C-alpha atoms as a PDB file:
ATOM      1  CA  MET A   1      13.889   6.617  36.629  1.00  0.00           C
ATOM      2  CA  VAL A   2      16.281   8.054  33.751  1.00  0.00           C
ATOM      3  CA  LEU A   3      19.149   7.954  36.358  1.00  0.00           C
ATOM      4  CA  ILE A   4      18.354   4.211  36.819  1.00  0.00           C
ATOM      5  CA  PHE A   5      18.157   3.508  33.183  1.00  0.00           C
ATOM      6  CA  ASP A   6      21.870   5.918  32.920  1.00  0.00           C
ATOM      7  CA  VAL A   7      23.117   3.228  35.501  1.00  0.00           C
ATOM      8  CA  ASP A   8      22.400  -0.172  34.945  1.00  0.00           C
ATOM      9  CA  THR A   9      24.235  -0.925  31.869  1.00  0.00           C
ATOM     10  CA  ASN A  10      22.863  -4.385  31.578  1.00  0.00           C
ATOM     11  CA  ASN A  11      18.726  -3.708  30.796  1.00  0.00           C
ATOM     12  CA  LEU A  12      18.295  -5.266  34.622  1.00  0.00           C
ATOM     13  CA  ALA A  13      15.486  -3.212  34.781  1.00  0.00           C
ATOM     14  CA  ILE A  14      13.705  -3.665  31.222  1.00  0.00           C
ATOM     15  CA  CYS A  15      14.165  -6.997  32.061  1.00  0.00           C
ATOM     16  CA  ALA A  16      13.145  -7.299  35.430  1.00  0.00           C
ATOM     17  CA  ILE A  17       9.803  -5.425  34.087  1.00  0.00           C
ATOM     18  CA  VAL A  18       9.458  -7.419  30.613  1.00  0.00           C
ATOM     19  CA  THR A  19       9.530 -10.074  33.053  1.00  0.00           C
ATOM     20  CA  VAL A  20       7.179  -9.137  35.639  1.00  0.00           C
ATOM     21  CA  VAL A  21       4.489  -8.636  32.506  1.00  0.00           C
ATOM     22  CA  MET A  22       4.837 -11.395  30.840  1.00  0.00           C
ATOM     23  CA  GLN A  23       3.882 -13.010  33.789  1.00  0.00           C
ATOM     24  CA  PHE A  24       0.992 -11.390  34.727  1.00  0.00           C
ATOM     25  CA  VAL A  25      -0.171 -11.382  31.408  1.00  0.00           C
ATOM     26  CA  PHE A  26       0.548 -15.618  31.396  1.00  0.00           C
ATOM     27  CA  PHE A  27      -1.703 -15.558  35.212  1.00  0.00           C
ATOM     28  CA  LEU A  28      -4.926 -13.996  33.375  1.00  0.00           C
ATOM     29  CA  ILE A  29      -4.811 -16.451  30.857  1.00  0.00           C
ATOM     30  CA  ALA A  30      -4.022 -19.319  33.684  1.00  0.00           C
ATOM     31  CA  PHE A  31      -6.918 -18.498  35.584  1.00  0.00           C
ATOM     32  CA  SER A  32      -8.975 -17.177  33.400  1.00  0.00           C
ATOM     33  CA  CYS A  33      -8.686 -20.422  31.032  1.00  0.00           C
ATOM     34  CA  LYS A  34      -8.660 -23.070  34.056  1.00  0.00           C
ATOM     35  CA  PHE A  35      -5.697 -24.432  32.650  1.00  0.00           C
ATOM     36  CA  ASP A  36      -6.197 -27.401  34.952  1.00  0.00           C
ATOM     37  CA  LYS A  37      -7.078 -29.737  31.595  1.00  0.00           C
ATOM     38  CA  THR A  38      -5.618 -32.501  29.816  1.00  0.00           C
ATOM     39  CA  TYR A  39      -4.779 -31.078  26.177  1.00  0.00           C
ATOM     40  CA  ASN A  40      -4.893 -34.089  23.154  1.00  0.00           C
ATOM     41  CA  TRP A  41      -1.246 -35.105  22.545  1.00  0.00           C
ATOM     42  CA  ARG A  42      -2.412 -33.593  18.917  1.00  0.00           C
ATOM     43  CA  GLN A  43      -2.782 -30.513  20.233  1.00  0.00           C
ATOM     44  CA  ILE A  44       0.978 -30.188  21.857  1.00  0.00           C
ATOM     45  CA  MET A  45       2.624 -32.162  19.443  1.00  0.00           C
ATOM     46  CA  VAL A  46       1.346 -29.148  16.766  1.00  0.00           C
ATOM     47  CA  THR A  47       2.000 -26.021  19.420  1.00  0.00           C
ATOM     48  CA  VAL A  48       5.363 -27.349  20.073  1.00  0.00           C
ATOM     49  CA  CYS A  49       6.347 -27.534  16.209  1.00  0.00           C
ATOM     50  CA  VAL A  50       5.399 -23.853  15.507  1.00  0.00           C
ATOM     51  CA  CYS A  51       7.372 -22.663  18.544  1.00  0.00           C
ATOM     52  CA  ILE A  52      10.591 -24.632  17.207  1.00  0.00           C
ATOM     53  CA  TRP A  53      10.193 -23.342  14.301  1.00  0.00           C
ATOM     54  CA  GLY A  54       9.657 -19.956  15.594  1.00  0.00           C
ATOM     55  CA  ALA A  55      12.357 -19.761  17.572  1.00  0.00           C
ATOM     56  CA  ARG A  56      14.722 -21.392  14.788  1.00  0.00           C
ATOM     57  CA  LEU A  57      13.743 -18.254  12.732  1.00  0.00           C
ATOM     58  CA  SER A  58      13.964 -15.175  15.057  1.00  0.00           C
ATOM     59  CA  GLY A  59      17.379 -16.954  16.647  1.00  0.00           C
ATOM     60  CA  TYR A  60      18.674 -17.090  13.077  1.00  0.00           C
ATOM     61  CA  LEU A  61      17.935 -13.556  11.728  1.00  0.00           C
ATOM     62  CA  LEU A  62      19.178 -12.392  15.290  1.00  0.00           C
ATOM     63  CA  TYR A  63      22.605 -14.001  14.510  1.00  0.00           C
ATOM     64  CA  ARG A  64      22.571 -12.347  11.197  1.00  0.00           C
ATOM     65  CA  ILE A  65      21.751  -9.213  12.120  1.00  0.00           C
ATOM     66  CA  LEU A  66      23.860  -9.052  14.977  1.00  0.00           C
ATOM     67  CA  LYS A  67      26.772 -10.098  12.891  1.00  0.00           C
ATOM     68  CA  ILE A  68      25.831  -8.135   9.704  1.00  0.00           C
ATOM     69  CA  GLY A  69      24.530  -4.557  11.626  1.00  0.00           C
ATOM     70  CA  GLU A  70      21.902  -4.158   9.255  1.00  0.00           C
ATOM     71  CA  ASP A  71      18.386  -5.635   7.106  1.00  0.00           C
ATOM     72  CA  LYS A  72      19.102  -3.581   3.202  1.00  0.00           C
ATOM     73  CA  ARG A  73      15.770  -5.231   2.733  1.00  0.00           C
ATOM     74  CA  PHE A  74      13.776  -2.980   4.906  1.00  0.00           C
ATOM     75  CA  ASP A  75      16.189   0.210   3.932  1.00  0.00           C
ATOM     76  CA  ASP A  76      13.577   2.443   1.803  1.00  0.00           C
ATOM     77  CA  LYS A  77      10.962   1.737   3.602  1.00  0.00           C
ATOM     78  CA  ARG A  78      12.377   3.074   7.275  1.00  0.00           C
ATOM     79  CA  GLU A  79      11.917   6.472   6.599  1.00  0.00           C
ATOM     80  CA  ASN A  80       8.595   6.524   5.103  1.00  0.00           C
ATOM     81  CA  CYS A  81       5.084   5.747   7.410  1.00  0.00           C
ATOM     82  CA  LEU A  82       3.060   4.113   5.598  1.00  0.00           C
ATOM     83  CA  LYS A  83       4.952   1.651   3.795  1.00  0.00           C
ATOM     84  CA  PHE A  84       7.056   0.608   6.865  1.00  0.00           C
ATOM     85  CA  ALA A  85       3.387   0.221   8.195  1.00  0.00           C
ATOM     86  CA  GLY A  86       1.755  -1.650   5.038  1.00  0.00           C
ATOM     87  CA  PHE A  87       4.447  -4.193   5.906  1.00  0.00           C
ATOM     88  CA  TRP A  88       3.689  -4.898   9.961  1.00  0.00           C
ATOM     89  CA  THR A  89       0.136  -5.353   8.876  1.00  0.00           C
ATOM     90  CA  PHE A  90       0.680  -7.483   5.210  1.00  0.00           C
ATOM     91  CA  GLN A  91       2.908  -9.435   8.113  1.00  0.00           C
ATOM     92  CA  ALA A  92       0.207  -9.666  10.935  1.00  0.00           C
ATOM     93  CA  PHE A  93      -2.246 -11.412   7.619  1.00  0.00           C
ATOM     94  CA  TRP A  94       0.523 -13.264   6.770  1.00  0.00           C
ATOM     95  CA  VAL A  95       1.202 -15.567  10.459  1.00  0.00           C
ATOM     96  CA  PHE A  96      -2.992 -15.061  10.971  1.00  0.00           C
ATOM     97  CA  THR A  97      -3.596 -16.781   7.225  1.00  0.00           C
ATOM     98  CA  VAL A  98      -0.898 -19.886   8.157  1.00  0.00           C
ATOM     99  CA  SER A  99      -1.238 -20.272  11.706  1.00  0.00           C
ATOM    100  CA  LEU A 100      -5.003 -21.336  10.986  1.00  0.00           C
ATOM    101  CA  PRO A 101      -4.201 -24.895  10.457  1.00  0.00           C
ATOM    102  CA  VAL A 102      -2.537 -24.503  14.447  1.00  0.00           C
ATOM    103  CA  ILE A 103      -5.321 -22.370  15.788  1.00  0.00           C
ATOM    104  CA  PHE A 104      -8.203 -24.888  14.321  1.00  0.00           C
ATOM    105  CA  VAL A 105      -6.409 -28.019  15.498  1.00  0.00           C
ATOM    106  CA  ASN A 106      -6.046 -26.051  19.253  1.00  0.00           C
ATOM    107  CA  ALA A 107      -9.874 -24.706  19.274  1.00  0.00           C
ATOM    108  CA  PRO A 108     -11.939 -25.931  22.163  1.00  0.00           C
ATOM    109  CA  ASP A 109     -14.566 -27.303  19.913  1.00  0.00           C
ATOM    110  CA  SER A 110     -11.240 -29.571  18.681  1.00  0.00           C
ATOM    111  CA  ALA A 111     -10.679 -30.008  22.378  1.00  0.00           C
ATOM    112  CA  VAL A 112     -14.493 -31.190  22.925  1.00  0.00           C
ATOM    113  CA  LYS A 113     -13.555 -34.157  20.029  1.00  0.00           C
ATOM    114  CA  LEU A 114     -10.112 -35.825  20.979  1.00  0.00           C
ATOM    115  CA  ASN A 115      -8.948 -37.295  24.342  1.00  0.00           C
ATOM    116  CA  PRO A 116      -5.041 -38.038  25.086  1.00  0.00           C
ATOM    117  CA  HIS A 117      -5.498 -40.955  23.802  1.00  0.00           C
ATOM    118  CA  ASP A 118      -7.012 -40.649  20.483  1.00  0.00           C
ATOM    119  CA  ALA A 119      -4.842 -42.915  18.080  1.00  0.00           C
ATOM    120  CA  TRP A 120      -1.684 -41.829  15.855  1.00  0.00           C
ATOM    121  CA  THR A 121      -3.657 -40.683  11.832  1.00  0.00           C
ATOM    122  CA  PRO A 122      -1.285 -41.649   8.646  1.00  0.00           C
ATOM    123  CA  GLN A 123      -1.701 -37.283   8.172  1.00  0.00           C
ATOM    124  CA  ASP A 124       0.048 -37.302  11.109  1.00  0.00           C
ATOM    125  CA  ILE A 125       2.511 -39.417  10.331  1.00  0.00           C
ATOM    126  CA  VAL A 126       3.111 -37.729   7.075  1.00  0.00           C
ATOM    127  CA  GLY A 127       3.067 -34.413   7.974  1.00  0.00           C
ATOM    128  CA  MET A 128       5.747 -34.692  10.515  1.00  0.00           C
ATOM    129  CA  VAL A 129       8.048 -36.081   8.475  1.00  0.00           C
ATOM    130  CA  ILE A 130       7.125 -32.835   6.112  1.00  0.00           C
ATOM    131  CA  PHE A 131       7.948 -30.996   8.429  1.00  0.00           C
ATOM    132  CA  ALA A 132      11.093 -32.099   9.863  1.00  0.00           C
ATOM    133  CA  ILE A 133      12.529 -32.112   6.461  1.00  0.00           C
ATOM    134  CA  GLY A 134      11.020 -28.653   5.604  1.00  0.00           C
ATOM    135  CA  LEU A 135      12.738 -27.172   9.310  1.00  0.00           C
ATOM    136  CA  SER A 136      15.940 -29.331   8.667  1.00  0.00           C
ATOM    137  CA  CYS A 137      16.020 -27.506   4.839  1.00  0.00           C
ATOM    138  CA  GLU A 138      15.856 -24.818   5.409  1.00  0.00           C
ATOM    139  CA  THR A 139      17.550 -24.413   8.681  1.00  0.00           C
ATOM    140  CA  PHE A 140      20.714 -25.710   6.647  1.00  0.00           C
ATOM    141  CA  ALA A 141      20.207 -24.320   3.624  1.00  0.00           C
ATOM    142  CA  ASP A 142      20.205 -20.414   5.513  1.00  0.00           C
ATOM    143  CA  PHE A 143      23.458 -21.458   7.691  1.00  0.00           C
ATOM    144  CA  GLN A 144      24.711 -22.887   4.254  1.00  0.00           C
ATOM    145  CA  LYS A 145      24.081 -19.132   2.803  1.00  0.00           C
ATOM    146  CA  PHE A 146      24.917 -17.348   5.396  1.00  0.00           C
ATOM    147  CA  PHE A 147      28.570 -18.572   5.956  1.00  0.00           C
ATOM    148  CA  PHE A 148      29.023 -18.358   2.911  1.00  0.00           C
ATOM    149  CA  ARG A 149      28.345 -15.062   1.633  1.00  0.00           C
ATOM    150  CA  ASN A 150      30.220 -14.169   4.602  1.00  0.00           C
ATOM    151  CA  ASN A 151      33.183 -15.638   3.308  1.00  0.00           C
ATOM    152  CA  PRO A 152      35.938 -12.827   2.194  1.00  0.00           C
ATOM    153  CA  ALA A 153      36.714 -15.432  -0.496  1.00  0.00           C
ATOM    154  CA  ASN A 154      33.156 -16.062  -2.421  1.00  0.00           C
ATOM    155  CA  LYS A 155      32.902 -11.541  -3.060  1.00  0.00           C
ATOM    156  CA  GLY A 156      30.924 -12.031  -6.297  1.00  0.00           C
ATOM    157  CA  LYS A 157      29.672 -15.177  -6.060  1.00  0.00           C
ATOM    158  CA  TRP A 158      26.119 -16.878  -6.174  1.00  0.00           C
ATOM    159  CA  CYS A 159      26.204 -19.977  -3.191  1.00  0.00           C
ATOM    160  CA  ASP A 160      25.849 -22.881  -5.149  1.00  0.00           C
ATOM    161  CA  THR A 161      27.381 -25.082  -2.252  1.00  0.00           C
ATOM    162  CA  GLY A 162      25.206 -27.730  -0.278  1.00  0.00           C
ATOM    163  CA  LEU A 163      21.488 -27.525  -0.539  1.00  0.00           C
ATOM    164  CA  TRP A 164      21.726 -24.136  -2.979  1.00  0.00           C
ATOM    165  CA  LYS A 165      24.058 -26.793  -5.989  1.00  0.00           C
ATOM    166  CA  ILE A 166      20.628 -28.830  -6.439  1.00  0.00           C
ATOM    167  CA  SER A 167      18.115 -26.014  -5.416  1.00  0.00           C
ATOM    168  CA  ARG A 168      17.848 -22.414  -6.753  1.00  0.00           C
ATOM    169  CA  HIS A 169      16.142 -20.981  -3.267  1.00  0.00           C
ATOM    170  CA  PRO A 170      16.399 -24.295  -0.716  1.00  0.00           C
ATOM    171  CA  ASN A 171      15.330 -22.031   1.406  1.00  0.00           C
ATOM    172  CA  TYR A 172      11.778 -21.785   0.304  1.00  0.00           C
ATOM    173  CA  PHE A 173      11.429 -24.964  -0.629  1.00  0.00           C
ATOM    174  CA  GLY A 174      11.855 -26.287   3.509  1.00  0.00           C
ATOM    175  CA  GLU A 175       9.436 -23.418   4.625  1.00  0.00           C
ATOM    176  CA  ILE A 176       6.932 -24.750   2.207  1.00  0.00           C
ATOM    177  CA  CYS A 177       7.253 -27.722   3.382  1.00  0.00           C
ATOM    178  CA  VAL A 178       6.720 -26.472   6.908  1.00  0.00           C
ATOM    179  CA  TRP A 179       3.457 -25.278   6.450  1.00  0.00           C
ATOM    180  CA  LEU A 180       2.476 -28.158   3.950  1.00  0.00           C
ATOM    181  CA  GLY A 181       3.377 -30.781   6.830  1.00  0.00           C
ATOM    182  CA  ILE A 182       1.422 -29.163   9.624  1.00  0.00           C
ATOM    183  CA  PHE A 183      -1.881 -28.659   7.712  1.00  0.00           C
ATOM    184  CA  ILE A 184      -1.336 -32.211   7.059  1.00  0.00           C
ATOM    185  CA  ILE A 185      -1.288 -32.806  10.859  1.00  0.00           C
ATOM    186  CA  SER A 186      -4.946 -30.399  10.925  1.00  0.00           C
ATOM    187  CA  THR A 187      -6.615 -32.351   7.903  1.00  0.00           C
ATOM    188  CA  SER A 188      -6.755 -35.703  10.897  1.00  0.00           C
ATOM    189  CA  ILE A 189      -9.748 -33.515  12.667  1.00  0.00           C
ATOM    190  CA  LEU A 190     -10.799 -30.221  10.664  1.00  0.00           C
ATOM    191  CA  THR A 191     -14.609 -30.264   9.682  1.00  0.00           C
ATOM    192  CA  ASP A 192     -16.781 -28.428   7.857  1.00  0.00           C
ATOM    193  CA  GLY A 193     -15.827 -24.679   7.763  1.00  0.00           C
ATOM    194  CA  GLN A 194     -12.044 -25.452   9.305  1.00  0.00           C
ATOM    195  CA  TRP A 195     -10.801 -26.685   5.514  1.00  0.00           C
ATOM    196  CA  THR A 196     -10.427 -22.994   5.251  1.00  0.00           C
ATOM    197  CA  ALA A 197      -6.592 -24.330   6.788  1.00  0.00           C
ATOM    198  CA  VAL A 198      -5.299 -24.950   3.954  1.00  0.00           C
ATOM    199  CA  LEU A 199      -4.643 -21.071   2.798  1.00  0.00           C
ATOM    200  CA  SER A 200      -1.681 -21.577   5.574  1.00  0.00           C
ATOM    201  CA  PRO A 201       0.473 -23.865   2.733  1.00  0.00           C
ATOM    202  CA  LEU A 202      -1.326 -22.345  -0.091  1.00  0.00           C
ATOM    203  CA  PHE A 203      -0.319 -18.543   1.052  1.00  0.00           C
ATOM    204  CA  THR A 204       3.038 -19.322   1.691  1.00  0.00           C
ATOM    205  CA  MET A 205       3.660 -21.367  -1.592  1.00  0.00           C
ATOM    206  CA  ALA A 206       2.226 -18.170  -3.475  1.00  0.00           C
ATOM    207  CA  ILE A 207       3.995 -15.724  -1.732  1.00  0.00           C
ATOM    208  CA  LEU A 208       7.355 -17.057  -2.009  1.00  0.00           C
ATOM    209  CA  LEU A 209       6.611 -18.157  -6.414  1.00  0.00           C
ATOM    210  CA  PHE A 210       5.282 -14.947  -6.906  1.00  0.00           C
ATOM    211  CA  LEU A 211       5.643 -12.466  -4.518  1.00  0.00           C
ATOM    212  CA  SER A 212       8.656 -11.722  -2.019  1.00  0.00           C
ATOM    213  CA  GLY A 213      10.360 -14.615  -2.843  1.00  0.00           C
ATOM    214  CA  ILE A 214      11.674 -16.333  -5.969  1.00  0.00           C
ATOM    215  CA  PRO A 215      10.785 -13.450  -8.019  1.00  0.00           C
ATOM    216  CA  LEU A 216      12.338 -10.753  -5.894  1.00  0.00           C
ATOM    217  CA  ASN A 217      16.116 -13.237  -5.821  1.00  0.00           C
ATOM    218  CA  GLU A 218      16.131 -14.573 -10.067  1.00  0.00           C
ATOM    219  CA  ASP A 219      18.510 -12.045 -10.936  1.00  0.00           C
ATOM    220  CA  TYR A 220      21.151 -13.882 -13.121  1.00  0.00           C
ATOM    221  CA  VAL A 221      21.435 -16.691 -15.930  1.00  0.00           C
ATOM    222  CA  THR A 222      24.328 -18.846 -15.231  1.00  0.00           C
ATOM    223  CA  PHE A 223      23.293 -20.716 -12.236  1.00  0.00           C
ATOM    224  CA  LYS A 224      19.758 -20.122 -13.287  1.00  0.00           C
ATOM    225  CA  LYS A 225      20.269 -22.383 -16.301  1.00  0.00           C
ATOM    226  CA  ARG A 226      21.803 -25.850 -14.346  1.00  0.00           C
ATOM    227  CA  THR A 227      19.745 -25.086 -11.106  1.00  0.00           C
ATOM    228  CA  SER A 228      16.093 -26.098 -10.047  1.00  0.00           C
ATOM    229  CA  PRO A 229      14.447 -22.852  -8.867  1.00  0.00           C
ATOM    230  CA  LEU A 230      12.704 -24.267  -6.082  1.00  0.00           C
ATOM    231  CA  ILE A 231      11.955 -28.505  -5.167  1.00  0.00           C
ATOM    232  CA  PRO A 232      15.707 -30.345  -4.414  1.00  0.00           C
ATOM    233  CA  LEU A 233      17.008 -31.587  -7.931  1.00  0.00           C
ATOM    234  CA  PRO A 234      20.672 -32.374  -9.156  1.00  0.00           C
ATOM    235  CA  PRO A 235      21.592 -30.266 -12.041  1.00  0.00           C
ATOM    236  CA  PRO A 236      22.579 -33.223 -14.449  1.00  0.00           C
ATOM    237  CA  CYS A 237      18.466 -34.267 -14.103  1.00  0.00           C
ATOM    238  CA  TYR A 238      17.702 -30.948 -14.039  1.00  0.00           C
ATOM    239  CA  ASN A 239      19.058 -30.223 -17.226  1.00  0.00           C
ATOM    240  CA  CYS A 240      17.593 -32.727 -19.117  1.00  0.00           C
ATOM    241  CA  LEU A 241      14.011 -32.284 -18.397  1.00  0.00           C
ATOM    242  CA  PRO A 242      12.410 -30.700 -20.838  1.00  0.00           C
ATOM    243  CA  SER A 243      10.445 -26.569 -20.389  1.00  0.00           C
ATOM    244  CA  PRO A 244       7.459 -27.731 -19.239  1.00  0.00           C
ATOM    245  CA  LEU A 245       8.084 -30.239 -17.676  1.00  0.00           C
ATOM    246  CA  LYS A 246      10.097 -27.740 -15.900  1.00  0.00           C
ATOM    247  CA  CYS A 247       7.294 -25.179 -15.292  1.00  0.00           C
ATOM    248  CA  LEU A 248       5.531 -28.470 -13.798  1.00  0.00           C
ATOM    249  CA  CYS A 249       6.958 -30.527 -11.718  1.00  0.00           C
ATOM    250  CA  CYS A 250       9.972 -28.068 -10.614  1.00  0.00           C
ATOM    251  CA  CYS A 251       8.175 -24.510 -10.625  1.00  0.00           C
ATOM    252  CA  GLU A 252       9.944 -23.475 -13.314  1.00  0.00           C
ATOM    253  CA  PHE A 253       7.658 -20.228 -14.308  1.00  0.00           C
ATOM    254  CA  PRO A 254       8.247 -17.886 -17.323  1.00  0.00           C
ATOM    255  CA  LEU A 255       7.588 -15.398 -14.344  1.00  0.00           C
ATOM    256  CA  TYR A 256      11.028 -15.598 -13.282  1.00  0.00           C
ATOM    257  CA  ASP A 257      12.737 -14.944 -16.250  1.00  0.00           C
ATOM    258  CA  TYR A 258      13.961 -11.617 -17.249  1.00  0.00           C
ATOM    259  CA  MET A 259      15.799 -11.221 -20.197  1.00  0.00           C
ATOM    260  CA  ASN A 260      15.533 -12.812 -23.445  1.00  0.00           C
ATOM    261  CA  GLU A 261      17.510 -15.312 -25.073  1.00  0.00           C
ATOM    262  CA  GLU A 262      19.917 -13.558 -26.908  1.00  0.00           C
ATOM    263  CA  GLU A 263      20.377 -10.947 -23.200  1.00  0.00           C
ATOM    264  CA  GLU A 264      20.990 -14.087 -21.893  1.00  0.00           C
ATOM    265  CA  LYS A 265      24.059 -15.822 -23.845  1.00  0.00           C
ATOM    266  CA  ILE A 266      26.156 -11.808 -23.789  1.00  0.00           C
ATOM    267  CA  VAL A 267      25.729 -12.023 -19.835  1.00  0.00           C
ATOM    268  CA  VAL A 268      26.351 -15.963 -19.536  1.00  0.00           C
ATOM    269  CA  LYS A 269      29.554 -14.743 -21.693  1.00  0.00           C
ATOM    270  CA  LYS A 270      30.487 -12.237 -18.950  1.00  0.00           C
ATOM    271  CA  ASP A 271      29.322 -14.594 -16.337  1.00  0.00           C
ATOM    272  CA  THR A 272      33.203 -14.240 -14.715  1.00  0.00           C
ATOM    273  CA  PRO A 273      32.257 -13.787 -10.690  1.00  0.00           C
ATOM    274  CA  GLU A 274      34.095 -10.653 -10.200  1.00  0.00           C
ATOM    275  CA  GLN A 275      30.723  -9.372 -13.260  1.00  0.00           C
ATOM    276  CA  GLN A 276      27.864 -11.382 -11.689  1.00  0.00           C
ATOM    277  CA  PRO A 277      25.422  -8.523  -9.482  1.00  0.00           C
ATOM    278  CA  LYS A 278      25.421  -8.694  -6.108  1.00  0.00           C
ATOM    279  CA  GLU A 279      22.880 -11.474  -3.868  1.00  0.00           C
ATOM    280  CA  ILE A 280      19.833  -9.409  -3.234  1.00  0.00           C
ATOM    281  CA  GLN A 281      20.406 -10.041   1.324  1.00  0.00           C
ATOM    282  CA  LEU A 282      16.945 -13.305   1.830  1.00  0.00           C
END
């Protein structure tokens, strides 16, 4: 067996084994569930949307890791079994929670209530529009920042072009819109306890706004002062807003302030491309 893998430099044997296993698993699922029934168009639409989102994200991450070679966010976790296991456990919880709208739409009870010719609802239309905006926003934002960071001429600079000129975190804005859109679509069929699906967008917002998203990437000043933290907004419009409205409408929470006014004045004076701190890998 070792000899086979040594000779097989194209990993054909591994790919063949994985393919056979996948097809066998799919056969068991199809045979057990008797997939000779018609699915409601909403079930298909929501499933396809999430598959597109997953393919987009995994494809981008794969492309980025092939170009960069490593993900520095895990440097302090790989050698610690408990920390690394904790990350994967939390990720499993996250995936389950944000998937609730999709789970409920595709649940057997929902299939019984719906029929293939079920009419579109206003929630379906609004949800699809928000999902499309979110997916487009995070896709463009990810690649705009990736190419900006990989341009030697931009070394030491903050990305403030494209969507990053009107939002400090347009990729997070897009991610929130994606799951908000999926949840809105699911409201067309939600009943009773299924309304717990609202945890999907709420959990996503909580994570990105208060835990592992924006708070870990707010260590700069000038760019922060002129740019909306989440919701895309032209800098002149953002600068005109009073602090209470920035907090209420643009998610500019005090949580993101790490320095007092005097410290900020000192940093602003020194805020040149050569002296700016390096960006955290997103």
